[in-house]
Amino acid sequence: MRTIVFCKTTAKETQTFFIKAGGKVYFLFKQNFKKSNKDFFSKGVSIDSIGDYSNAHSYSVKKTLDKLPQYIRYIEKEYNISIYKRTKNKTNKQYKRKSEISRWDNLFWETA
């Protein structure tokens, strides 16, 4: 499933931004209403195109795109989900702890 960021106008002068990841919707932040943000984010923007500023022709859209990564990383930590590809790759790797390595070395030397 594609991960998208979208916004909804919740009050007269307030836009609320959400992220839809893994079939669930998570709240990101609220900010003052800007028509250019509504036009850009209302249908949803893929997580892969958040760093691409070529389609953003407004200063407010660029500033919003700058804010999104830090809020997305917070959602990843808070709800223990993987949104970015880098985070998915990091969680798939299994690291051995030093204590596990030293136990195996001690066991090897005791039996030899």
C-alpha atoms as a PDB file:
ATOM      1  CA  MET A   1       0.000   0.000   0.000  1.00  0.00           C
ATOM      2  CA  ARG A   2       1.233   3.482  -0.846  1.00  0.00           C
ATOM      3  CA  THR A   3       2.002   5.896   1.947  1.00  0.00           C
ATOM      4  CA  ILE A   4       0.523   9.333   1.337  1.00  0.00           C
ATOM      5  CA  VAL A   5       0.368  12.690   3.116  1.00  0.00           C
ATOM      6  CA  PHE A   6      -2.837  14.670   2.793  1.00  0.00           C
ATOM      7  CA  CYS A   7      -4.581  17.625   4.382  1.00  0.00           C
ATOM      8  CA  LYS A   8      -8.133  18.494   5.347  1.00  0.00           C
ATOM      9  CA  THR A   9      -9.623  21.837   6.276  1.00  0.00           C
ATOM     10  CA  THR A  10     -10.899  21.260   9.806  1.00  0.00           C
ATOM     11  CA  ALA A  11     -11.837  24.774  10.889  1.00  0.00           C
ATOM     12  CA  LYS A  12     -12.372  28.039   9.077  1.00  0.00           C
ATOM     13  CA  GLU A  13      -8.710  28.976   9.040  1.00  0.00           C
ATOM     14  CA  THR A  14      -7.013  25.697   9.985  1.00  0.00           C
ATOM     15  CA  GLN A  15      -5.611  22.868   7.906  1.00  0.00           C
ATOM     16  CA  THR A  16      -4.821  19.526   9.477  1.00  0.00           C
ATOM     17  CA  PHE A  17      -2.232  17.243   7.926  1.00  0.00           C
ATOM     18  CA  PHE A  18      -2.403  13.455   8.139  1.00  0.00           C
ATOM     19  CA  ILE A  19      -0.370  10.514   6.887  1.00  0.00           C
ATOM     20  CA  LYS A  20      -1.947   7.281   5.701  1.00  0.00           C
ATOM     21  CA  ALA A  21       0.438   4.382   6.249  1.00  0.00           C
ATOM     22  CA  GLY A  22      -0.380   0.703   6.400  1.00  0.00           C
ATOM     23  CA  GLY A  23      -4.120   1.327   6.150  1.00  0.00           C
ATOM     24  CA  LYS A  24      -4.164   3.605   9.207  1.00  0.00           C
ATOM     25  CA  VAL A  25      -4.381   7.373   9.339  1.00  0.00           C
ATOM     26  CA  TYR A  26      -2.048   9.270  11.701  1.00  0.00           C
ATOM     27  CA  PHE A  27      -2.256  12.937  12.682  1.00  0.00           C
ATOM     28  CA  LEU A  28       0.810  15.035  11.815  1.00  0.00           C
ATOM     29  CA  PHE A  29       0.158  18.719  12.598  1.00  0.00           C
ATOM     30  CA  LYS A  30      -2.141  21.719  12.187  1.00  0.00           C
ATOM     31  CA  GLN A  31      -1.340  25.032  10.562  1.00  0.00           C
ATOM     32  CA  ASN A  32      -3.033  28.133   9.224  1.00  0.00           C
ATOM     33  CA  PHE A  33      -5.058  27.748   6.046  1.00  0.00           C
ATOM     34  CA  LYS A  34      -3.287  28.341   2.732  1.00  0.00           C
ATOM     35  CA  LYS A  35      -5.062  27.742  -0.548  1.00  0.00           C
ATOM     36  CA  SER A  36      -1.860  26.599  -2.261  1.00  0.00           C
ATOM     37  CA  ASN A  37      -1.379  23.901   0.419  1.00  0.00           C
ATOM     38  CA  LYS A  38      -4.958  22.773  -0.042  1.00  0.00           C
ATOM     39  CA  ASP A  39      -4.490  22.491  -3.808  1.00  0.00           C
ATOM     40  CA  PHE A  40      -1.210  20.599  -3.443  1.00  0.00           C
ATOM     41  CA  PHE A  41      -2.049  18.204  -0.581  1.00  0.00           C
ATOM     42  CA  SER A  42      -5.828  17.678  -0.829  1.00  0.00           C
ATOM     43  CA  LYS A  43      -5.615  14.598  -3.095  1.00  0.00           C
ATOM     44  CA  GLY A  44      -2.565  13.264  -1.307  1.00  0.00           C
ATOM     45  CA  VAL A  45       1.153  13.328  -1.996  1.00  0.00           C
ATOM     46  CA  SER A  46       3.250  10.176  -2.065  1.00  0.00           C
ATOM     47  CA  ILE A  47       5.920   9.852   0.600  1.00  0.00           C
ATOM     48  CA  ASP A  48       8.510   9.362  -2.155  1.00  0.00           C
ATOM     49  CA  SER A  49       7.796  12.772  -3.691  1.00  0.00           C
ATOM     50  CA  ILE A  50       7.994  14.806  -0.474  1.00  0.00           C
ATOM     51  CA  GLY A  51      11.616  15.774  -1.124  1.00  0.00           C
ATOM     52  CA  ASP A  52      10.814  16.824  -4.707  1.00  0.00           C
ATOM     53  CA  TYR A  53      10.268  20.579  -4.913  1.00  0.00           C
ATOM     54  CA  SER A  54       9.800  20.742  -8.691  1.00  0.00           C
ATOM     55  CA  ASN A  55       5.978  20.670  -8.421  1.00  0.00           C
ATOM     56  CA  ALA A  56       5.851  23.098  -5.485  1.00  0.00           C
ATOM     57  CA  HIS A  57       5.403  26.593  -6.897  1.00  0.00           C
ATOM     58  CA  SER A  58       4.400  28.307  -3.678  1.00  0.00           C
ATOM     59  CA  TYR A  59       6.535  29.371  -0.739  1.00  0.00           C
ATOM     60  CA  SER A  60       4.011  27.969   1.756  1.00  0.00           C
ATOM     61  CA  VAL A  61       4.040  24.556   0.036  1.00  0.00           C
ATOM     62  CA  LYS A  62       7.846  24.477   0.166  1.00  0.00           C
ATOM     63  CA  LYS A  63       7.832  25.365   3.864  1.00  0.00           C
ATOM     64  CA  THR A  64       5.266  22.631   4.536  1.00  0.00           C
ATOM     65  CA  LEU A  65       7.382  20.115   2.609  1.00  0.00           C
ATOM     66  CA  ASP A  66      10.313  21.140   4.816  1.00  0.00           C
ATOM     67  CA  LYS A  67       8.296  20.453   7.987  1.00  0.00           C
ATOM     68  CA  LEU A  68       7.016  17.016   6.992  1.00  0.00           C
ATOM     69  CA  PRO A  69      10.148  14.822   7.486  1.00  0.00           C
ATOM     70  CA  GLN A  70      10.570  15.693  11.165  1.00  0.00           C
ATOM     71  CA  TYR A  71       6.909  14.999  11.889  1.00  0.00           C
ATOM     72  CA  ILE A  72       7.030  11.719   9.963  1.00  0.00           C
ATOM     73  CA  ARG A  73      10.087  10.582  11.943  1.00  0.00           C
ATOM     74  CA  TYR A  74       8.217  11.410  15.134  1.00  0.00           C
ATOM     75  CA  ILE A  75       5.261   9.256  14.019  1.00  0.00           C
ATOM     76  CA  GLU A  76       7.661   6.412  13.235  1.00  0.00           C
ATOM     77  CA  LYS A  77       9.105   6.528  16.747  1.00  0.00           C
ATOM     78  CA  GLU A  78       5.835   7.144  18.564  1.00  0.00           C
ATOM     79  CA  TYR A  79       3.831   4.355  16.936  1.00  0.00           C
ATOM     80  CA  ASN A  80       6.778   2.057  16.138  1.00  0.00           C
ATOM     81  CA  ILE A  81       6.031   1.864  12.414  1.00  0.00           C
ATOM     82  CA  SER A  82       8.304   2.066   9.369  1.00  0.00           C
ATOM     83  CA  ILE A  83       7.363   4.701   6.808  1.00  0.00           C
ATOM     84  CA  TYR A  84      10.633   5.603   5.095  1.00  0.00           C
ATOM     85  CA  LYS A  85      12.528   2.962   3.107  1.00  0.00           C
ATOM     86  CA  ARG A  86      15.629   3.672   5.176  1.00  0.00           C
ATOM     87  CA  THR A  87      13.750   2.859   8.372  1.00  0.00           C
ATOM     88  CA  LYS A  88      12.355  -0.335   6.856  1.00  0.00           C
ATOM     89  CA  ASN A  89      15.838  -1.457   5.860  1.00  0.00           C
ATOM     90  CA  LYS A  90      17.188  -0.600   9.302  1.00  0.00           C
ATOM     91  CA  THR A  91      14.563  -2.669  11.107  1.00  0.00           C
ATOM     92  CA  ASN A  92      15.077  -5.648   8.784  1.00  0.00           C
ATOM     93  CA  LYS A  93      18.763  -5.931   9.650  1.00  0.00           C
ATOM     94  CA  GLN A  94      19.566  -7.943  12.712  1.00  0.00           C
ATOM     95  CA  TYR A  95      22.457  -6.765  14.799  1.00  0.00           C
ATOM     96  CA  LYS A  96      24.334  -8.946  17.240  1.00  0.00           C
ATOM     97  CA  ARG A  97      24.947  -7.412  20.590  1.00  0.00           C
ATOM     98  CA  LYS A  98      28.415  -7.466  22.068  1.00  0.00           C
ATOM     99  CA  SER A  99      27.182  -9.576  24.952  1.00  0.00           C
ATOM    100  CA  GLU A 100      25.990 -12.311  22.561  1.00  0.00           C
ATOM    101  CA  ILE A 101      29.311 -12.344  20.717  1.00  0.00           C
ATOM    102  CA  SER A 102      31.362 -12.543  23.908  1.00  0.00           C
ATOM    103  CA  ARG A 103      29.211 -15.398  25.255  1.00  0.00           C
ATOM    104  CA  TRP A 104      29.879 -17.463  22.144  1.00  0.00           C
ATOM    105  CA  ASP A 105      33.605 -16.770  22.356  1.00  0.00           C
ATOM    106  CA  ASN A 106      33.667 -17.839  26.014  1.00  0.00           C
ATOM    107  CA  LEU A 107      31.713 -20.997  25.222  1.00  0.00           C
ATOM    108  CA  PHE A 108      34.095 -21.883  22.423  1.00  0.00           C
ATOM    109  CA  TRP A 109      37.177 -21.466  24.586  1.00  0.00           C
ATOM    110  CA  GLU A 110      35.696 -23.414  27.502  1.00  0.00           C
ATOM    111  CA  THR A 111      34.985 -26.461  25.351  1.00  0.00           C
ATOM    112  CA  ALA A 112      38.347 -26.476  23.559  1.00  0.00           C
END
